[in-house]
Amino acid sequence: MSMILQYVSAFAVGGALCVVAQILIDYTSLTPCKILVIYVVSGVVLSGVGLYGPLEKIAHCGATVPLTGFGHTLCEGVKKAVSENGLIGVLTGGLSATAGGISAALVFGYIAALIFKGKPK
């Protein structure tokens, strides 16, 4: 696959995911938190039925960066841990697969909290 085609497919898939989220925000009464949960759960479900892996191969970052990609990573981590460790993998697999992203979110959130001052409502 040529580099330009990779960029176009990543942009198209990532953009399509963003368009769906924007439509949900504009035309439903769903809160952004609920939409985020829907996206993560959708990634888990699509990964569980075997549809997200092929999408990831086509779209690369366009499929892995959005929250659906986080759900896919959770699901893949659980599947791997269950195959290696048995039933305890249900509890440990998702966290070990996404530990880097979770850690980065915590560290950068803490840094932002140190730099900026929150305003109570």
PDB file of N, CA and C in Angstrom:
ATOM      1  N   MET A   1       0.860  -1.179   0.000  1.00  0.00           N
ATOM      2  CA  MET A   1       0.000   0.000   0.000  1.00  0.00           C
ATOM      3  C   MET A   1       0.900   1.234   0.000  1.00  0.00           C
ATOM      4  N   SER A   2       0.630   2.134  -0.894  1.00  0.00           N
ATOM      5  CA  SER A   2       1.467   3.331  -0.978  1.00  0.00           C
ATOM      6  C   SER A   2       1.224   4.239   0.223  1.00  0.00           C
ATOM      7  N   MET A   3       2.194   5.080   0.465  1.00  0.00           N
ATOM      8  CA  MET A   3       2.126   5.966   1.623  1.00  0.00           C
ATOM      9  C   MET A   3       0.938   6.929   1.520  1.00  0.00           C
ATOM     10  N   ILE A   4       0.680   7.449   0.331  1.00  0.00           N
ATOM     11  CA  ILE A   4      -0.431   8.390   0.161  1.00  0.00           C
ATOM     12  C   ILE A   4      -1.761   7.690   0.406  1.00  0.00           C
ATOM     13  N   LEU A   5      -1.891   6.443  -0.066  1.00  0.00           N
ATOM     14  CA  LEU A   5      -3.123   5.699   0.158  1.00  0.00           C
ATOM     15  C   LEU A   5      -3.320   5.407   1.644  1.00  0.00           C
ATOM     16  N   GLN A   6      -2.230   5.164   2.381  1.00  0.00           N
ATOM     17  CA  GLN A   6      -2.327   4.968   3.829  1.00  0.00           C
ATOM     18  C   GLN A   6      -2.838   6.226   4.509  1.00  0.00           C
ATOM     19  N   TYR A   7      -2.307   7.379   4.102  1.00  0.00           N
ATOM     20  CA  TYR A   7      -2.760   8.647   4.686  1.00  0.00           C
ATOM     21  C   TYR A   7      -4.233   8.898   4.381  1.00  0.00           C
ATOM     22  N   VAL A   8      -4.629   8.641   3.148  1.00  0.00           N
ATOM     23  CA  VAL A   8      -6.011   8.883   2.748  1.00  0.00           C
ATOM     24  C   VAL A   8      -6.957   7.955   3.513  1.00  0.00           C
ATOM     25  N   SER A   9      -6.593   6.675   3.637  1.00  0.00           N
ATOM     26  CA  SER A   9      -7.474   5.746   4.345  1.00  0.00           C
ATOM     27  C   SER A   9      -7.543   6.079   5.834  1.00  0.00           C
ATOM     28  N   ALA A  10      -6.423   6.478   6.430  1.00  0.00           N
ATOM     29  CA  ALA A  10      -6.433   6.872   7.846  1.00  0.00           C
ATOM     30  C   ALA A  10      -7.307   8.101   8.042  1.00  0.00           C
ATOM     31  N   PHE A  11      -7.171   9.084   7.155  1.00  0.00           N
ATOM     32  CA  PHE A  11      -7.969  10.298   7.245  1.00  0.00           C
ATOM     33  C   PHE A  11      -9.451  10.002   7.037  1.00  0.00           C
ATOM     34  N   ALA A  12      -9.772   9.139   6.083  1.00  0.00           N
ATOM     35  CA  ALA A  12     -11.180   8.837   5.785  1.00  0.00           C
ATOM     36  C   ALA A  12     -11.848   8.107   6.942  1.00  0.00           C
ATOM     37  N   VAL A  13     -11.187   7.096   7.477  1.00  0.00           N
ATOM     38  CA  VAL A  13     -11.797   6.323   8.564  1.00  0.00           C
ATOM     39  C   VAL A  13     -11.856   7.145   9.849  1.00  0.00           C
ATOM     40  N   GLY A  14     -10.764   7.805  10.204  1.00  0.00           N
ATOM     41  CA  GLY A  14     -10.766   8.650  11.400  1.00  0.00           C
ATOM     42  C   GLY A  14     -11.764   9.780  11.275  1.00  0.00           C
ATOM     43  N   GLY A  15     -11.847  10.372  10.092  1.00  0.00           N
ATOM     44  CA  GLY A  15     -12.811  11.440   9.858  1.00  0.00           C
ATOM     45  C   GLY A  15     -14.245  10.947   9.926  1.00  0.00           C
ATOM     46  N   ALA A  16     -14.494   9.749   9.410  1.00  0.00           N
ATOM     47  CA  ALA A  16     -15.842   9.182   9.468  1.00  0.00           C
ATOM     48  C   ALA A  16     -16.259   8.928  10.912  1.00  0.00           C
ATOM     49  N   LEU A  17     -15.333   8.451  11.738  1.00  0.00           N
ATOM     50  CA  LEU A  17     -15.645   8.254  13.149  1.00  0.00           C
ATOM     51  C   LEU A  17     -15.963   9.579  13.836  1.00  0.00           C
ATOM     52  N   CYS A  18     -15.238  10.611  13.487  1.00  0.00           N
ATOM     53  CA  CYS A  18     -15.504  11.931  14.061  1.00  0.00           C
ATOM     54  C   CYS A  18     -16.835  12.497  13.576  1.00  0.00           C
ATOM     55  N   VAL A  19     -17.168  12.269  12.321  1.00  0.00           N
ATOM     56  CA  VAL A  19     -18.444  12.748  11.786  1.00  0.00           C
ATOM     57  C   VAL A  19     -19.611  12.094  12.518  1.00  0.00           C
ATOM     58  N   VAL A  20     -19.513  10.796  12.762  1.00  0.00           N
ATOM     59  CA  VAL A  20     -20.577  10.097  13.489  1.00  0.00           C
ATOM     60  C   VAL A  20     -20.730  10.687  14.886  1.00  0.00           C
ATOM     61  N   ALA A  21     -19.612  10.935  15.560  1.00  0.00           N
ATOM     62  CA  ALA A  21     -19.677  11.525  16.903  1.00  0.00           C
ATOM     63  C   ALA A  21     -20.312  12.914  16.856  1.00  0.00           C
ATOM     64  N   GLN A  22     -19.944  13.705  15.863  1.00  0.00           N
ATOM     65  CA  GLN A  22     -20.503  15.049  15.757  1.00  0.00           C
ATOM     66  C   GLN A  22     -21.996  14.999  15.486  1.00  0.00           C
ATOM     67  N   ILE A  23     -22.435  14.052  14.674  1.00  0.00           N
ATOM     68  CA  ILE A  23     -23.868  13.898  14.419  1.00  0.00           C
ATOM     69  C   ILE A  23     -24.594  13.514  15.708  1.00  0.00           C
ATOM     70  N   LEU A  24     -23.991  12.616  16.490  1.00  0.00           N
ATOM     71  CA  LEU A  24     -24.603  12.234  17.765  1.00  0.00           C
ATOM     72  C   LEU A  24     -24.696  13.428  18.711  1.00  0.00           C
ATOM     73  N   ILE A  25     -23.677  14.263  18.723  1.00  0.00           N
ATOM     74  CA  ILE A  25     -23.693  15.452  19.584  1.00  0.00           C
ATOM     75  C   ILE A  25     -24.774  16.433  19.127  1.00  0.00           C
ATOM     76  N   ASP A  26     -24.856  16.659  17.815  1.00  0.00           N
ATOM     77  CA  ASP A  26     -25.764  17.670  17.283  1.00  0.00           C
ATOM     78  C   ASP A  26     -27.235  17.256  17.286  1.00  0.00           C
ATOM     79  N   TYR A  27     -27.518  15.977  17.041  1.00  0.00           N
ATOM     80  CA  TYR A  27     -28.899  15.573  16.802  1.00  0.00           C
ATOM     81  C   TYR A  27     -29.492  14.633  17.852  1.00  0.00           C
ATOM     82  N   THR A  28     -28.768  14.380  18.916  1.00  0.00           N
ATOM     83  CA  THR A  28     -29.322  13.556  19.995  1.00  0.00           C
ATOM     84  C   THR A  28     -29.139  14.304  21.312  1.00  0.00           C
ATOM     85  N   SER A  29     -29.748  13.781  22.335  1.00  0.00           N
ATOM     86  CA  SER A  29     -29.578  14.389  23.659  1.00  0.00           C
ATOM     87  C   SER A  29     -28.482  13.675  24.456  1.00  0.00           C
ATOM     88  N   LEU A  30     -27.668  12.872  23.768  1.00  0.00           N
ATOM     89  CA  LEU A  30     -26.570  12.175  24.443  1.00  0.00           C
ATOM     90  C   LEU A  30     -25.500  13.167  24.897  1.00  0.00           C
ATOM     91  N   THR A  31     -25.007  12.954  26.082  1.00  0.00           N
ATOM     92  CA  THR A  31     -23.912  13.796  26.574  1.00  0.00           C
ATOM     93  C   THR A  31     -22.593  13.294  25.980  1.00  0.00           C
ATOM     94  N   PRO A  32     -21.581  14.158  25.943  1.00  0.00           N
ATOM     95  CA  PRO A  32     -20.279  13.713  25.424  1.00  0.00           C
ATOM     96  C   PRO A  32     -19.734  12.494  26.174  1.00  0.00           C
ATOM     97  N   CYS A  33     -19.977  12.400  27.470  1.00  0.00           N
ATOM     98  CA  CYS A  33     -19.509  11.237  28.235  1.00  0.00           C
ATOM     99  C   CYS A  33     -20.152   9.951  27.733  1.00  0.00           C
ATOM    100  N   LYS A  34     -21.442  10.005  27.456  1.00  0.00           N
ATOM    101  CA  LYS A  34     -22.132   8.819  26.961  1.00  0.00           C
ATOM    102  C   LYS A  34     -21.635   8.437  25.573  1.00  0.00           C
ATOM    103  N   ILE A  35     -21.347   9.420  24.749  1.00  0.00           N
ATOM    104  CA  ILE A  35     -20.823   9.143  23.411  1.00  0.00           C
ATOM    105  C   ILE A  35     -19.440   8.504  23.505  1.00  0.00           C
ATOM    106  N   LEU A  36     -18.611   8.982  24.430  1.00  0.00           N
ATOM    107  CA  LEU A  36     -17.296   8.378  24.617  1.00  0.00           C
ATOM    108  C   LEU A  36     -17.430   6.915  25.034  1.00  0.00           C
ATOM    109  N   VAL A  37     -18.343   6.621  25.933  1.00  0.00           N
ATOM    110  CA  VAL A  37     -18.560   5.237  26.369  1.00  0.00           C
ATOM    111  C   VAL A  37     -19.072   4.391  25.205  1.00  0.00           C
ATOM    112  N   ILE A  38     -19.982   4.938  24.415  1.00  0.00           N
ATOM    113  CA  ILE A  38     -20.486   4.220  23.239  1.00  0.00           C
ATOM    114  C   ILE A  38     -19.344   3.884  22.297  1.00  0.00           C
ATOM    115  N   TYR A  39     -18.427   4.804  22.089  1.00  0.00           N
ATOM    116  CA  TYR A  39     -17.297   4.561  21.191  1.00  0.00           C
ATOM    117  C   TYR A  39     -16.370   3.473  21.729  1.00  0.00           C
ATOM    118  N   VAL A  40     -16.060   3.501  23.004  1.00  0.00           N
ATOM    119  CA  VAL A  40     -15.174   2.474  23.570  1.00  0.00           C
ATOM    120  C   VAL A  40     -15.846   1.105  23.492  1.00  0.00           C
ATOM    121  N   VAL A  41     -17.114   1.029  23.871  1.00  0.00           N
ATOM    122  CA  VAL A  41     -17.839  -0.243  23.829  1.00  0.00           C
ATOM    123  C   VAL A  41     -17.986  -0.732  22.387  1.00  0.00           C
ATOM    124  N   SER A  42     -18.203   0.181  21.456  1.00  0.00           N
ATOM    125  CA  SER A  42     -18.279  -0.209  20.048  1.00  0.00           C
ATOM    126  C   SER A  42     -16.968  -0.828  19.581  1.00  0.00           C
ATOM    127  N   GLY A  43     -15.857  -0.256  20.003  1.00  0.00           N
ATOM    128  CA  GLY A  43     -14.559  -0.827  19.653  1.00  0.00           C
ATOM    129  C   GLY A  43     -14.381  -2.224  20.214  1.00  0.00           C
ATOM    130  N   VAL A  44     -14.843  -2.424  21.449  1.00  0.00           N
ATOM    131  CA  VAL A  44     -14.757  -3.758  22.063  1.00  0.00           C
ATOM    132  C   VAL A  44     -15.627  -4.748  21.296  1.00  0.00           C
ATOM    133  N   VAL A  45     -16.854  -4.367  20.991  1.00  0.00           N
ATOM    134  CA  VAL A  45     -17.780  -5.265  20.303  1.00  0.00           C
ATOM    135  C   VAL A  45     -17.271  -5.586  18.901  1.00  0.00           C
ATOM    136  N   LEU A  46     -16.859  -4.561  18.149  1.00  0.00           N
ATOM    137  CA  LEU A  46     -16.358  -4.800  16.795  1.00  0.00           C
ATOM    138  C   LEU A  46     -15.105  -5.664  16.803  1.00  0.00           C
ATOM    139  N   SER A  47     -14.265  -5.485  17.797  1.00  0.00           N
ATOM    140  CA  SER A  47     -13.075  -6.322  17.926  1.00  0.00           C
ATOM    141  C   SER A  47     -13.465  -7.745  18.302  1.00  0.00           C
ATOM    142  N   GLY A  48     -14.424  -7.878  19.198  1.00  0.00           N
ATOM    143  CA  GLY A  48     -14.863  -9.198  19.639  1.00  0.00           C
ATOM    144  C   GLY A  48     -15.443 -10.042  18.526  1.00  0.00           C
ATOM    145  N   VAL A  49     -16.143  -9.414  17.582  1.00  0.00           N
ATOM    146  CA  VAL A  49     -16.726 -10.164  16.466  1.00  0.00           C
ATOM    147  C   VAL A  49     -15.788 -10.239  15.263  1.00  0.00           C
ATOM    148  N   GLY A  50     -14.595  -9.672  15.407  1.00  0.00           N
ATOM    149  CA  GLY A  50     -13.583  -9.804  14.364  1.00  0.00           C
ATOM    150  C   GLY A  50     -13.624  -8.779  13.256  1.00  0.00           C
ATOM    151  N   LEU A  51     -14.330  -7.678  13.441  1.00  0.00           N
ATOM    152  CA  LEU A  51     -14.420  -6.663  12.390  1.00  0.00           C
ATOM    153  C   LEU A  51     -13.417  -5.521  12.539  1.00  0.00           C
ATOM    154  N   TYR A  52     -12.939  -5.280  13.754  1.00  0.00           N
ATOM    155  CA  TYR A  52     -12.057  -4.117  13.945  1.00  0.00           C
ATOM    156  C   TYR A  52     -10.640  -4.383  13.494  1.00  0.00           C
ATOM    157  N   GLY A  53     -10.173  -5.617  13.580  1.00  0.00           N
ATOM    158  CA  GLY A  53      -8.817  -5.959  13.126  1.00  0.00           C
ATOM    159  C   GLY A  53      -8.587  -5.629  11.655  1.00  0.00           C
ATOM    160  N   PRO A  54      -9.484  -6.073  10.756  1.00  0.00           N
ATOM    161  CA  PRO A  54      -9.317  -5.712   9.345  1.00  0.00           C
ATOM    162  C   PRO A  54      -9.401  -4.200   9.103  1.00  0.00           C
ATOM    163  N   LEU A  55     -10.259  -3.508   9.850  1.00  0.00           N
ATOM    164  CA  LEU A  55     -10.345  -2.054   9.719  1.00  0.00           C
ATOM    165  C   LEU A  55      -9.035  -1.405  10.123  1.00  0.00           C
ATOM    166  N   GLU A  56      -8.418  -1.933  11.179  1.00  0.00           N
ATOM    167  CA  GLU A  56      -7.134  -1.410  11.643  1.00  0.00           C
ATOM    168  C   GLU A  56      -6.037  -1.628  10.595  1.00  0.00           C
ATOM    169  N   LYS A  57      -6.077  -2.764   9.902  1.00  0.00           N
ATOM    170  CA  LYS A  57      -5.082  -3.040   8.862  1.00  0.00           C
ATOM    171  C   LYS A  57      -5.214  -2.077   7.684  1.00  0.00           C
ATOM    172  N   ILE A  58      -6.436  -1.648   7.409  1.00  0.00           N
ATOM    173  CA  ILE A  58      -6.677  -0.734   6.296  1.00  0.00           C
ATOM    174  C   ILE A  58      -6.379   0.714   6.698  1.00  0.00           C
ATOM    175  N   ALA A  59      -6.878   1.129   7.865  1.00  0.00           N
ATOM    176  CA  ALA A  59      -6.845   2.544   8.240  1.00  0.00           C
ATOM    177  C   ALA A  59      -5.708   2.917   9.182  1.00  0.00           C
ATOM    178  N   HIS A  60      -4.998   1.961   9.728  1.00  0.00           N
ATOM    179  CA  HIS A  60      -3.877   2.224  10.643  1.00  0.00           C
ATOM    180  C   HIS A  60      -4.273   3.216  11.733  1.00  0.00           C
ATOM    181  N   CYS A  61      -3.634   4.372  11.789  1.00  0.00           N
ATOM    182  CA  CYS A  61      -3.891   5.363  12.849  1.00  0.00           C
ATOM    183  C   CYS A  61      -5.317   5.898  12.820  1.00  0.00           C
ATOM    184  N   GLY A  62      -5.956   5.880  11.672  1.00  0.00           N
ATOM    185  CA  GLY A  62      -7.336   6.336  11.590  1.00  0.00           C
ATOM    186  C   GLY A  62      -8.283   5.459  12.384  1.00  0.00           C
ATOM    187  N   ALA A  63      -7.842   4.224  12.681  1.00  0.00           N
ATOM    188  CA  ALA A  63      -8.663   3.312  13.472  1.00  0.00           C
ATOM    189  C   ALA A  63      -8.134   3.125  14.888  1.00  0.00           C
ATOM    190  N   THR A  64      -6.836   3.338  15.107  1.00  0.00           N
ATOM    191  CA  THR A  64      -6.280   3.074  16.432  1.00  0.00           C
ATOM    192  C   THR A  64      -6.310   4.283  17.352  1.00  0.00           C
ATOM    193  N   VAL A  65      -6.278   5.483  16.814  1.00  0.00           N
ATOM    194  CA  VAL A  65      -6.231   6.682  17.649  1.00  0.00           C
ATOM    195  C   VAL A  65      -7.581   7.026  18.281  1.00  0.00           C
ATOM    196  N   PRO A  66      -8.710   6.916  17.563  1.00  0.00           N
ATOM    197  CA  PRO A  66      -9.993   7.251  18.206  1.00  0.00           C
ATOM    198  C   PRO A  66     -10.317   6.293  19.357  1.00  0.00           C
ATOM    199  N   LEU A  67     -11.321   6.626  20.125  1.00  0.00           N
ATOM    200  CA  LEU A  67     -11.694   5.818  21.279  1.00  0.00           C
ATOM    201  C   LEU A  67     -12.144   4.407  20.909  1.00  0.00           C
ATOM    202  N   THR A  68     -12.609   4.205  19.702  1.00  0.00           N
ATOM    203  CA  THR A  68     -12.928   2.846  19.280  1.00  0.00           C
ATOM    204  C   THR A  68     -11.659   1.998  19.262  1.00  0.00           C
ATOM    205  N   GLY A  69     -10.538   2.609  18.925  1.00  0.00           N
ATOM    206  CA  GLY A  69      -9.256   1.908  18.958  1.00  0.00           C
ATOM    207  C   GLY A  69      -8.860   1.518  20.369  1.00  0.00           C
ATOM    208  N   PHE A  70      -9.189   2.360  21.352  1.00  0.00           N
ATOM    209  CA  PHE A  70      -8.932   2.020  22.746  1.00  0.00           C
ATOM    210  C   PHE A  70      -9.740   0.792  23.153  1.00  0.00           C
ATOM    211  N   GLY A  71     -10.989   0.750  22.740  1.00  0.00           N
ATOM    212  CA  GLY A  71     -11.827  -0.415  23.016  1.00  0.00           C
ATOM    213  C   GLY A  71     -11.279  -1.667  22.356  1.00  0.00           C
ATOM    214  N   HIS A  72     -10.803  -1.517  21.125  1.00  0.00           N
ATOM    215  CA  HIS A  72     -10.197  -2.643  20.407  1.00  0.00           C
ATOM    216  C   HIS A  72      -8.963  -3.153  21.143  1.00  0.00           C
ATOM    217  N   THR A  73      -8.130  -2.237  21.630  1.00  0.00           N
ATOM    218  CA  THR A  73      -6.932  -2.627  22.366  1.00  0.00           C
ATOM    219  C   THR A  73      -7.297  -3.335  23.670  1.00  0.00           C
ATOM    220  N   LEU A  74      -8.322  -2.847  24.360  1.00  0.00           N
ATOM    221  CA  LEU A  74      -8.800  -3.525  25.564  1.00  0.00           C
ATOM    222  C   LEU A  74      -9.208  -4.966  25.257  1.00  0.00           C
ATOM    223  N   CYS A  75      -9.988  -5.136  24.210  1.00  0.00           N
ATOM    224  CA  CYS A  75     -10.488  -6.460  23.851  1.00  0.00           C
ATOM    225  C   CYS A  75      -9.344  -7.393  23.463  1.00  0.00           C
ATOM    226  N   GLU A  76      -8.418  -6.903  22.653  1.00  0.00           N
ATOM    227  CA  GLU A  76      -7.287  -7.734  22.241  1.00  0.00           C
ATOM    228  C   GLU A  76      -6.424  -8.117  23.438  1.00  0.00           C
ATOM    229  N   GLY A  77      -6.238  -7.197  24.373  1.00  0.00           N
ATOM    230  CA  GLY A  77      -5.472  -7.502  25.580  1.00  0.00           C
ATOM    231  C   GLY A  77      -6.126  -8.578  26.425  1.00  0.00           C
ATOM    232  N   VAL A  78      -7.446  -8.509  26.541  1.00  0.00           N
ATOM    233  CA  VAL A  78      -8.176  -9.518  27.304  1.00  0.00           C
ATOM    234  C   VAL A  78      -8.079 -10.876  26.610  1.00  0.00           C
ATOM    235  N   LYS A  79      -8.255 -10.899  25.288  1.00  0.00           N
ATOM    236  CA  LYS A  79      -8.169 -12.174  24.565  1.00  0.00           C
ATOM    237  C   LYS A  79      -6.793 -12.814  24.738  1.00  0.00           C
ATOM    238  N   LYS A  80      -5.746 -11.997  24.631  1.00  0.00           N
ATOM    239  CA  LYS A  80      -4.381 -12.519  24.773  1.00  0.00           C
ATOM    240  C   LYS A  80      -4.140 -13.032  26.196  1.00  0.00           C
ATOM    241  N   ALA A  81      -4.553 -12.261  27.198  1.00  0.00           N
ATOM    242  CA  ALA A  81      -4.324 -12.655  28.585  1.00  0.00           C
ATOM    243  C   ALA A  81      -5.128 -13.900  28.958  1.00  0.00           C
ATOM    244  N   VAL A  82      -6.334 -14.034  28.434  1.00  0.00           N
ATOM    245  CA  VAL A  82      -7.141 -15.219  28.720  1.00  0.00           C
ATOM    246  C   VAL A  82      -6.490 -16.453  28.106  1.00  0.00           C
ATOM    247  N   SER A  83      -5.964 -16.320  26.892  1.00  0.00           N
ATOM    248  CA  SER A  83      -5.317 -17.474  26.265  1.00  0.00           C
ATOM    249  C   SER A  83      -4.029 -17.868  26.997  1.00  0.00           C
ATOM    250  N   GLU A  84      -3.338 -16.886  27.605  1.00  0.00           N
ATOM    251  CA  GLU A  84      -2.086 -17.173  28.304  1.00  0.00           C
ATOM    252  C   GLU A  84      -2.297 -17.559  29.764  1.00  0.00           C
ATOM    253  N   ASN A  85      -3.229 -16.893  30.462  1.00  0.00           N
ATOM    254  CA  ASN A  85      -3.362 -17.055  31.910  1.00  0.00           C
ATOM    255  C   ASN A  85      -4.694 -17.641  32.368  1.00  0.00           C
ATOM    256  N   GLY A  86      -5.595 -17.872  31.473  1.00  0.00           N
ATOM    257  CA  GLY A  86      -6.906 -18.390  31.860  1.00  0.00           C
ATOM    258  C   GLY A  86      -7.853 -17.273  32.249  1.00  0.00           C
ATOM    259  N   LEU A  87      -8.804 -17.604  33.081  1.00  0.00           N
ATOM    260  CA  LEU A  87      -9.891 -16.685  33.429  1.00  0.00           C
ATOM    261  C   LEU A  87      -9.425 -15.402  34.108  1.00  0.00           C
ATOM    262  N   ILE A  88      -8.298 -15.454  34.825  1.00  0.00           N
ATOM    263  CA  ILE A  88      -7.796 -14.227  35.480  1.00  0.00           C
ATOM    264  C   ILE A  88      -7.432 -13.166  34.439  1.00  0.00           C
ATOM    265  N   GLY A  89      -7.191 -13.573  33.205  1.00  0.00           N
ATOM    266  CA  GLY A  89      -6.869 -12.639  32.129  1.00  0.00           C
ATOM    267  C   GLY A  89      -7.984 -11.664  31.821  1.00  0.00           C
ATOM    268  N   VAL A  90      -9.225 -12.040  32.181  1.00  0.00           N
ATOM    269  CA  VAL A  90     -10.351 -11.119  31.992  1.00  0.00           C
ATOM    270  C   VAL A  90     -10.119  -9.851  32.813  1.00  0.00           C
ATOM    271  N   LEU A  91      -9.538  -9.995  33.982  1.00  0.00           N
ATOM    272  CA  LEU A  91      -9.307  -8.847  34.863  1.00  0.00           C
ATOM    273  C   LEU A  91      -8.006  -8.119  34.548  1.00  0.00           C
ATOM    274  N   THR A  92      -6.994  -8.834  34.070  1.00  0.00           N
ATOM    275  CA  THR A  92      -5.673  -8.226  33.914  1.00  0.00           C
ATOM    276  C   THR A  92      -5.341  -7.820  32.485  1.00  0.00           C
ATOM    277  N   GLY A  93      -5.926  -8.458  31.509  1.00  0.00           N
ATOM    278  CA  GLY A  93      -5.531  -8.250  30.121  1.00  0.00           C
ATOM    279  C   GLY A  93      -5.771  -6.851  29.587  1.00  0.00           C
ATOM    280  N   GLY A  94      -6.940  -6.311  29.854  1.00  0.00           N
ATOM    281  CA  GLY A  94      -7.259  -4.977  29.342  1.00  0.00           C
ATOM    282  C   GLY A  94      -6.360  -3.908  29.924  1.00  0.00           C
ATOM    283  N   LEU A  95      -6.095  -4.006  31.224  1.00  0.00           N
ATOM    284  CA  LEU A  95      -5.235  -3.001  31.861  1.00  0.00           C
ATOM    285  C   LEU A  95      -3.790  -3.106  31.404  1.00  0.00           C
ATOM    286  N   SER A  96      -3.299  -4.319  31.248  1.00  0.00           N
ATOM    287  CA  SER A  96      -1.906  -4.447  30.818  1.00  0.00           C
ATOM    288  C   SER A  96      -1.734  -4.005  29.365  1.00  0.00           C
ATOM    289  N   ALA A  97      -2.737  -4.229  28.533  1.00  0.00           N
ATOM    290  CA  ALA A  97      -2.642  -3.820  27.130  1.00  0.00           C
ATOM    291  C   ALA A  97      -2.712  -2.308  26.957  1.00  0.00           C
ATOM    292  N   THR A  98      -3.423  -1.635  27.841  1.00  0.00           N
ATOM    293  CA  THR A  98      -3.621  -0.188  27.693  1.00  0.00           C
ATOM    294  C   THR A  98      -2.873   0.616  28.745  1.00  0.00           C
ATOM    295  N   ALA A  99      -1.968  -0.024  29.464  1.00  0.00           N
ATOM    296  CA  ALA A  99      -1.272   0.645  30.570  1.00  0.00           C
ATOM    297  C   ALA A  99      -0.513   1.888  30.121  1.00  0.00           C
ATOM    298  N   GLY A 100       0.116   1.839  28.969  1.00  0.00           N
ATOM    299  CA  GLY A 100       0.860   3.004  28.486  1.00  0.00           C
ATOM    300  C   GLY A 100      -0.036   4.210  28.265  1.00  0.00           C
ATOM    301  N   GLY A 101      -1.169   3.998  27.609  1.00  0.00           N
ATOM    302  CA  GLY A 101      -2.096   5.100  27.354  1.00  0.00           C
ATOM    303  C   GLY A 101      -2.724   5.644  28.622  1.00  0.00           C
ATOM    304  N   ILE A 102      -3.079   4.751  29.527  1.00  0.00           N
ATOM    305  CA  ILE A 102      -3.677   5.179  30.794  1.00  0.00           C
ATOM    306  C   ILE A 102      -2.656   5.965  31.615  1.00  0.00           C
ATOM    307  N   SER A 103      -1.428   5.467  31.666  1.00  0.00           N
ATOM    308  CA  SER A 103      -0.371   6.163  32.411  1.00  0.00           C
ATOM    309  C   SER A 103      -0.101   7.540  31.828  1.00  0.00           C
ATOM    310  N   ALA A 104      -0.025   7.632  30.513  1.00  0.00           N
ATOM    311  CA  ALA A 104       0.212   8.926  29.875  1.00  0.00           C
ATOM    312  C   ALA A 104      -0.915   9.903  30.189  1.00  0.00           C
ATOM    313  N   ALA A 105      -2.158   9.431  30.157  1.00  0.00           N
ATOM    314  CA  ALA A 105      -3.290  10.304  30.467  1.00  0.00           C
ATOM    315  C   ALA A 105      -3.206  10.816  31.896  1.00  0.00           C
ATOM    316  N   LEU A 106      -2.834   9.950  32.820  1.00  0.00           N
ATOM    317  CA  LEU A 106      -2.709  10.379  34.217  1.00  0.00           C
ATOM    318  C   LEU A 106      -1.573  11.379  34.403  1.00  0.00           C
ATOM    319  N   VAL A 107      -0.418  11.098  33.809  1.00  0.00           N
ATOM    320  CA  VAL A 107       0.746  11.982  33.967  1.00  0.00           C
ATOM    321  C   VAL A 107       0.470  13.348  33.344  1.00  0.00           C
ATOM    322  N   PHE A 108      -0.030  13.363  32.107  1.00  0.00           N
ATOM    323  CA  PHE A 108      -0.267  14.646  31.451  1.00  0.00           C
ATOM    324  C   PHE A 108      -1.432  15.400  32.092  1.00  0.00           C
ATOM    325  N   GLY A 109      -2.421  14.687  32.613  1.00  0.00           N
ATOM    326  CA  GLY A 109      -3.497  15.343  33.354  1.00  0.00           C
ATOM    327  C   GLY A 109      -2.980  15.998  34.622  1.00  0.00           C
ATOM    328  N   TYR A 110      -2.078  15.315  35.296  1.00  0.00           N
ATOM    329  CA  TYR A 110      -1.477  15.880  36.512  1.00  0.00           C
ATOM    330  C   TYR A 110      -0.644  17.109  36.188  1.00  0.00           C
ATOM    331  N   ILE A 111       0.148  17.030  35.124  1.00  0.00           N
ATOM    332  CA  ILE A 111       0.965  18.178  34.711  1.00  0.00           C
ATOM    333  C   ILE A 111       0.069  19.367  34.357  1.00  0.00           C
ATOM    334  N   ALA A 112      -1.009  19.105  33.629  1.00  0.00           N
ATOM    335  CA  ALA A 112      -1.936  20.185  33.275  1.00  0.00           C
ATOM    336  C   ALA A 112      -2.565  20.796  34.518  1.00  0.00           C
ATOM    337  N   ALA A 113      -2.867  19.959  35.511  1.00  0.00           N
ATOM    338  CA  ALA A 113      -3.445  20.468  36.753  1.00  0.00           C
ATOM    339  C   ALA A 113      -2.452  21.341  37.515  1.00  0.00           C
ATOM    340  N   LEU A 114      -1.171  21.034  37.410  1.00  0.00           N
ATOM    341  CA  LEU A 114      -0.155  21.854  38.065  1.00  0.00           C
ATOM    342  C   LEU A 114       0.032  23.193  37.360  1.00  0.00           C
ATOM    343  N   ILE A 115      -0.078  23.188  36.037  1.00  0.00           N
ATOM    344  CA  ILE A 115       0.183  24.403  35.254  1.00  0.00           C
ATOM    345  C   ILE A 115      -1.021  25.350  35.277  1.00  0.00           C
ATOM    346  N   PHE A 116      -2.206  24.820  35.088  1.00  0.00           N
ATOM    347  CA  PHE A 116      -3.399  25.642  34.967  1.00  0.00           C
ATOM    348  C   PHE A 116      -4.220  25.599  36.247  1.00  0.00           C
ATOM    349  N   LYS A 117      -4.945  26.658  36.492  1.00  0.00           N
ATOM    350  CA  LYS A 117      -5.781  26.749  37.687  1.00  0.00           C
ATOM    351  C   LYS A 117      -7.236  26.531  37.299  1.00  0.00           C
ATOM    352  N   GLY A 118      -7.881  25.582  37.944  1.00  0.00           N
ATOM    353  CA  GLY A 118      -9.290  25.310  37.671  1.00  0.00           C
ATOM    354  C   GLY A 118     -10.184  26.398  38.237  1.00  0.00           C
ATOM    355  N   LYS A 119     -11.310  26.609  37.587  1.00  0.00           N
ATOM    356  CA  LYS A 119     -12.273  27.597  38.050  1.00  0.00           C
ATOM    357  C   LYS A 119     -13.538  26.882  38.491  1.00  0.00           C
ATOM    358  N   PRO A 120     -13.894  26.991  39.776  1.00  0.00           N
ATOM    359  CA  PRO A 120     -15.138  26.349  40.208  1.00  0.00           C
ATOM    360  C   PRO A 120     -16.350  27.040  39.593  1.00  0.00           C
ATOM    361  N   LYS A 121     -17.397  26.262  39.374  1.00  0.00           N
ATOM    362  CA  LYS A 121     -18.611  26.842  38.769  1.00  0.00           C
ATOM    363  C   LYS A 121     -19.467  27.510  39.803  1.00  0.00           C
TER     364      LYS A 121
END
